[in-house]
């Protein structure tokens, strides 16, 4: 059924005149007559009782008139909502951010919110590997995580920042100093790592294997402050990105750069093949602006 024919029919009944309806619709009277007859032909039912130049609704016409008003109102609402989406006056952004990344990019999220205050942001905190899968599966629109991803064939990425990983050690004489500490020098020290869902832990263990040893893992946690607390207690060594180390209270801790250098490359990722919403496009555009800033 032609929505335009319904619109013409409803306007005709409202105006109770072919002349007034044609003026409101900016079409000729024969065009309206043709549309009404096409509806009658399609339904196989008379809609108007015609008496010379006047007309009235049949029972069939009354039912169609009531239903058509509802249909047209729904169509108008649909058009309005679609327009709102295009203008980002509404919408939803599903964003993935690992726990230790969130506070670093809180300002970026705030900037997005300021630009698009009507967009609702849902943030989930997964480890890097879980985040990659959620983006690839379409569960998330985009995510910020450690690069490179393990699935570059399915995911696109844009690097946002790069920070060194630092060794966080208990304040004991053997660890005193400000220079680099080699990873091999820590082979007999228990490691305090993020859980295995975190990309950083996987990369660190790979570096240990490249240096010829398998680390002894004393404990794992998803919380950087808890890892630091375990270091303070003397349980072992943790490895945290430099921006996180800046937030640590240095009391009872020694923080040293590492050799070989392990980098924490952060970037935004999104699916190569899935549809990107307007809200996601706006997020990626903001990330691109951020990546270009010195």
Protein backbone atom coordinates (compact mmCIF):
# COMPACT_ATOMS: atom_id res chain seq x y z
CA UNK A 1 0.00 0.00 0.00
CA UNK A 2 1.40 3.37 -1.04
CA UNK A 3 2.02 5.60 1.96
CA UNK A 4 1.51 8.64 -0.22
CA UNK A 5 -1.94 7.40 -1.20
CA UNK A 6 -2.82 7.07 2.49
CA UNK A 7 -1.58 10.60 3.11
CA UNK A 8 -3.76 11.97 0.30
CA UNK A 9 -6.78 10.02 1.52
CA UNK A 10 -6.44 11.24 5.11
CA UNK A 11 -5.98 14.86 4.03
CA UNK A 12 -9.06 14.62 1.78
CA UNK A 13 -11.21 13.42 4.68
CA UNK A 14 -9.82 16.08 7.01
CA UNK A 15 -10.53 18.87 4.53
CA UNK A 16 -13.83 17.41 3.33
CA UNK A 17 -13.05 18.93 -0.06
CA UNK A 18 -10.99 17.88 -3.08
CA UNK A 19 -10.19 21.53 -3.74
CA UNK A 20 -8.90 22.29 -0.23
CA UNK A 21 -7.04 18.98 -0.05
CA UNK A 22 -5.28 19.66 -3.36
CA UNK A 23 -4.25 23.10 -2.10
CA UNK A 24 -2.83 21.65 1.13
CA UNK A 25 -1.01 18.86 -0.68
CA UNK A 26 0.16 20.99 -3.63
CA UNK A 27 -1.21 18.50 -6.16
CA UNK A 28 -4.09 18.54 -8.60
CA UNK A 29 -7.58 17.30 -7.76
CA UNK A 30 -7.37 14.50 -10.39
CA UNK A 31 -4.19 13.26 -8.68
CA UNK A 32 -6.05 12.88 -5.38
CA UNK A 33 -8.98 11.16 -7.12
CA UNK A 34 -6.57 8.76 -8.81
CA UNK A 35 -4.88 7.92 -5.51
CA UNK A 36 -8.21 7.22 -3.78
CA UNK A 37 -9.35 4.97 -6.63
CA UNK A 38 -6.04 3.09 -6.53
CA UNK A 39 -6.64 2.38 -2.83
CA UNK A 40 -10.16 1.15 -3.60
CA UNK A 41 -8.84 -1.07 -6.39
CA UNK A 42 -6.08 -2.47 -4.21
CA UNK A 43 -8.45 -3.25 -1.31
CA UNK A 44 -11.31 -4.27 -3.53
CA UNK A 45 -13.64 -2.18 -1.38
CA UNK A 46 -15.38 1.19 -1.78
CA UNK A 47 -14.01 3.85 0.53
CA UNK A 48 -16.14 6.84 -0.43
CA UNK A 49 -19.81 7.24 -1.17
CA UNK A 50 -19.91 9.83 -3.94
CA UNK A 51 -22.92 12.05 -4.53
CA UNK A 52 -22.17 14.63 -7.22
CA UNK A 53 -19.49 16.95 -5.90
CA UNK A 54 -19.85 15.75 -2.30
CA UNK A 55 -18.74 12.53 -0.68
CA UNK A 56 -18.87 10.65 2.61
CA UNK A 57 -17.02 7.70 4.06
CA UNK A 58 -18.26 4.16 3.72
CA UNK A 59 -17.79 1.79 6.65
CA UNK A 60 -14.64 0.55 4.92
CA UNK A 61 -13.45 4.10 4.44
CA UNK A 62 -14.03 4.89 8.13
CA UNK A 63 -11.87 1.96 9.22
CA UNK A 64 -9.11 2.91 6.77
CA UNK A 65 -9.24 6.56 7.84
CA UNK A 66 -8.75 5.66 11.53
CA UNK A 67 -5.94 3.21 10.81
CA UNK A 68 -4.24 5.47 8.27
CA UNK A 69 -3.94 8.29 10.80
CA UNK A 70 -2.09 5.94 13.15
CA UNK A 71 0.17 4.71 10.34
CA UNK A 72 1.01 8.24 9.23
CA UNK A 73 1.73 9.32 12.80
CA UNK A 74 4.11 6.35 13.20
CA UNK A 75 5.80 7.21 9.91
CA UNK A 76 6.28 10.80 11.05
CA UNK A 77 7.77 9.56 14.33
CA UNK A 78 10.07 7.20 12.44
CA UNK A 79 11.29 9.99 10.16
CA UNK A 80 11.90 12.22 13.18
CA UNK A 81 13.88 9.53 15.01
CA UNK A 82 15.97 8.76 11.95
CA UNK A 83 16.72 12.44 11.54
CA UNK A 84 17.70 12.65 15.21
CA UNK A 85 20.11 9.77 14.70
CA UNK A 86 21.68 11.47 11.71
CA UNK A 87 22.14 14.66 13.72
CA UNK A 88 23.27 12.72 16.84
CA UNK A 89 20.36 14.11 18.82
CA UNK A 90 19.89 10.59 20.16
CA UNK A 91 21.67 7.26 19.91
CA UNK A 92 23.86 4.82 21.79
CA UNK A 93 27.59 4.10 21.86
CA UNK A 94 28.85 0.77 23.24
CA UNK A 95 32.49 1.24 24.20
CA UNK A 96 35.01 -1.22 25.62
CA UNK A 97 37.90 -0.06 27.83
CA UNK A 98 40.21 -2.21 29.99
CA UNK A 99 40.12 -1.16 33.68
CA UNK A 100 43.52 0.56 33.78
CA UNK A 101 42.85 2.45 30.55
CA UNK A 102 39.60 4.09 31.63
CA UNK A 103 41.04 6.77 33.88
CA UNK A 104 43.62 7.73 31.23
CA UNK A 105 40.90 8.39 28.66
CA UNK A 106 38.23 9.81 30.94
CA UNK A 107 38.81 13.26 29.40
CA UNK A 108 38.31 11.85 25.90
CA UNK A 109 35.00 10.32 26.95
CA UNK A 110 34.01 13.64 28.54
CA UNK A 111 34.83 15.47 25.29
CA UNK A 112 32.59 13.09 23.35
CA UNK A 113 29.81 13.63 25.86
CA UNK A 114 30.15 17.40 25.59
CA UNK A 115 29.90 17.22 21.79
CA UNK A 116 26.99 14.79 21.77
CA UNK A 117 25.11 15.13 25.07
CA UNK A 118 22.07 13.20 23.81
CA UNK A 119 24.07 10.05 23.05
CA UNK A 120 24.01 7.42 25.79
CA UNK A 121 27.42 5.81 26.38
CA UNK A 122 27.67 2.25 27.69
CA UNK A 123 31.16 1.33 28.89
CA UNK A 124 32.26 -2.23 29.58
CA UNK A 125 35.56 -3.10 31.22
CA UNK A 126 37.11 -6.26 29.80
CA UNK A 127 40.65 -7.45 29.36
CA UNK A 128 42.23 -6.85 25.96
CA UNK A 129 41.50 -10.24 24.42
CA UNK A 130 37.85 -10.23 25.50
CA UNK A 131 37.48 -6.69 24.20
CA UNK A 132 38.88 -7.64 20.78
CA UNK A 133 36.37 -10.48 20.46
CA UNK A 134 33.46 -8.29 21.57
CA UNK A 135 34.32 -5.70 18.89
CA UNK A 136 34.73 -8.38 16.20
CA UNK A 137 31.36 -9.93 17.17
CA UNK A 138 29.56 -6.58 17.05
CA UNK A 139 28.86 -6.55 20.80
CA UNK A 140 30.83 -3.29 21.05
CA UNK A 141 30.97 -0.40 18.59
CA UNK A 142 34.62 0.31 19.39
CA UNK A 143 37.19 -0.09 22.13
CA UNK A 144 40.50 1.24 23.39
CA UNK A 145 43.05 -1.48 23.98
CA UNK A 146 46.69 -2.47 23.65
CA UNK A 147 48.06 -2.76 20.11
CA UNK A 148 48.67 -4.67 17.98
CA UNK A 149 45.54 -6.80 18.14
CA UNK A 150 45.59 -10.55 17.73
CA UNK A 151 43.01 -10.39 14.94
CA UNK A 152 44.19 -7.73 12.50
CA UNK A 153 42.28 -9.36 9.63
CA UNK A 154 38.96 -8.52 11.32
CA UNK A 155 39.83 -5.34 13.21
CA UNK A 156 40.98 -1.88 12.17
CA UNK A 157 42.94 0.25 14.60
CA UNK A 158 44.27 3.75 15.18
CA UNK A 159 47.15 4.32 17.61
CA UNK A 160 46.45 6.97 20.25
CA UNK A 161 49.49 6.83 22.53
CA UNK A 162 52.60 4.87 23.40
CA UNK A 163 54.05 4.52 26.92
CA UNK A 164 56.89 2.43 28.39
CA UNK A 165 56.17 -0.38 30.84
CA UNK A 166 58.06 0.04 34.13
CA UNK A 167 59.10 -2.43 36.81
CA UNK A 168 57.47 -1.77 40.18
CA UNK A 169 59.61 -3.24 42.96
CA UNK A 170 59.54 -3.25 46.76
CA UNK A 171 61.77 -0.67 48.41
CA UNK A 172 64.66 -2.99 49.16
CA UNK A 173 68.42 -2.30 48.82
CA UNK A 174 68.97 -4.75 45.95
CA UNK A 175 66.54 -2.80 43.76
CA UNK A 176 67.82 0.69 44.57
CA UNK A 177 68.83 2.81 41.60
CA UNK A 178 67.24 4.84 38.84
CA UNK A 179 68.63 3.17 35.74
CA UNK A 180 67.18 0.47 33.57
CA UNK A 181 66.71 -2.97 35.03
CA UNK A 182 67.01 -5.93 32.71
CA UNK A 183 64.18 -8.41 32.61
CA UNK A 184 66.65 -11.27 33.10
CA UNK A 185 67.66 -9.79 36.45
CA UNK A 186 64.12 -10.48 37.67
CA UNK A 187 63.92 -14.11 36.61
CA UNK A 188 64.06 -15.38 40.22
CA UNK A 189 61.60 -12.79 41.55
CA UNK A 190 57.90 -13.76 41.76
CA UNK A 191 55.82 -11.87 39.18
CA UNK A 192 52.59 -10.06 40.05
CA UNK A 193 50.66 -9.84 36.81
CA UNK A 194 47.34 -8.82 35.40
CA UNK A 195 44.94 -11.67 34.75
CA UNK A 196 45.41 -13.69 31.58
CA UNK A 197 42.56 -11.80 29.90
CA UNK A 198 44.88 -8.78 29.69
CA UNK A 199 47.08 -8.39 26.61
CA UNK A 200 49.87 -6.83 28.69
CA UNK A 201 50.37 -10.04 30.69
CA UNK A 202 50.59 -12.09 27.52
CA UNK A 203 53.19 -9.75 26.01
CA UNK A 204 55.24 -9.73 29.18
CA UNK A 205 55.34 -13.50 29.36
CA UNK A 206 56.39 -13.62 25.71
CA UNK A 207 59.28 -11.24 26.50
CA UNK A 208 60.38 -13.51 29.35
CA UNK A 209 60.41 -16.50 27.02
CA UNK A 210 62.47 -14.52 24.52
CA UNK A 211 64.95 -13.82 27.34
CA UNK A 212 65.18 -17.53 28.06
CA UNK A 213 63.07 -18.06 31.18
CA UNK A 214 59.53 -18.80 32.34
CA UNK A 215 58.42 -16.41 35.10
CA UNK A 216 57.06 -17.64 38.40
CA UNK A 217 53.67 -15.97 38.81
CA UNK A 218 52.82 -15.35 42.46
CA UNK A 219 49.44 -13.71 41.88
CA UNK A 220 47.23 -12.16 39.25
CA UNK A 221 44.72 -9.32 39.54
CA UNK A 222 42.71 -7.06 37.26
CA UNK A 223 43.36 -4.05 39.53
CA UNK A 224 46.64 -2.11 39.25
CA UNK A 225 46.37 -0.64 42.74
CA UNK A 226 46.06 -4.12 44.23
CA UNK A 227 49.13 -5.24 42.27
CA UNK A 228 51.04 -2.26 43.72
CA UNK A 229 49.83 -3.12 47.22
CA UNK A 230 51.17 -6.66 46.84
CA UNK A 231 54.52 -5.24 45.74
CA UNK A 232 54.60 -3.08 48.89
CA UNK A 233 54.03 -6.20 50.96
CA UNK A 234 57.16 -7.72 49.41
CA UNK A 235 55.40 -10.41 47.38
CA UNK A 236 57.25 -9.70 44.14
CA UNK A 237 57.52 -7.39 41.13
CA UNK A 238 54.71 -5.87 39.05
CA UNK A 239 54.92 -4.32 35.60
CA UNK A 240 52.78 -1.26 35.00
CA UNK A 241 52.52 1.39 32.26
CA UNK A 242 54.25 4.68 32.97
CA UNK A 243 50.96 6.70 33.25
CA UNK A 244 49.77 4.28 35.94
CA UNK A 245 53.13 4.47 37.74
CA UNK A 246 52.74 8.26 37.95
CA UNK A 247 49.63 7.72 40.06
CA UNK A 248 51.31 5.42 42.56
CA UNK A 249 52.36 6.62 45.98
CA UNK A 250 56.11 6.05 45.82
CA UNK A 251 56.38 5.19 49.51
CA UNK A 252 57.84 1.68 49.90
CA UNK A 253 58.16 1.31 46.11
CA UNK A 254 60.98 1.53 43.60
CA UNK A 255 59.98 2.17 40.00
CA UNK A 256 62.54 1.60 37.26
CA UNK A 257 62.54 1.57 33.46
CA UNK A 258 63.02 -1.80 31.81
CA UNK A 259 65.36 -3.34 29.29
CA UNK A 260 64.47 -4.57 26.80
CA UNK A 261 61.94 -1.81 26.39
CA UNK A 262 58.35 -3.06 26.48
CA UNK A 263 55.88 -0.53 25.12
CA UNK A 264 52.24 -0.05 26.01
CA UNK A 265 50.77 0.99 22.66
CA UNK A 266 47.19 2.10 23.07
CA UNK A 267 44.73 2.51 20.25
CA UNK A 268 41.08 2.51 19.32
CA UNK A 269 39.83 -0.58 17.46
CA UNK A 270 36.70 -1.27 15.44
CA UNK A 271 35.38 -3.99 13.14
CA UNK A 272 36.47 -3.83 9.51
CA UNK A 273 33.33 -5.42 8.10
CA UNK A 274 30.42 -4.51 10.38
CA UNK A 275 28.15 -1.49 9.98
CA UNK A 276 29.32 1.57 11.93
CA UNK A 277 26.63 3.71 13.48
CA UNK A 278 26.71 7.50 13.38
CA UNK A 279 27.59 7.50 17.08
CA UNK A 280 30.56 5.19 16.43
CA UNK A 281 31.71 7.31 13.47
CA UNK A 282 31.65 10.37 15.71
CA UNK A 283 33.73 8.55 18.35
CA UNK A 284 36.32 7.48 15.78
CA UNK A 285 36.49 11.02 14.40
CA UNK A 286 37.22 12.37 17.90
CA UNK A 287 39.90 9.69 18.42
CA UNK A 288 41.49 10.67 15.10
CA UNK A 289 41.62 14.30 16.25
CA UNK A 290 43.25 13.22 19.51
CA UNK A 291 45.85 11.09 17.74
CA UNK A 292 46.95 14.09 15.65
CA UNK A 293 47.49 16.33 18.69
CA UNK A 294 51.13 16.73 19.79
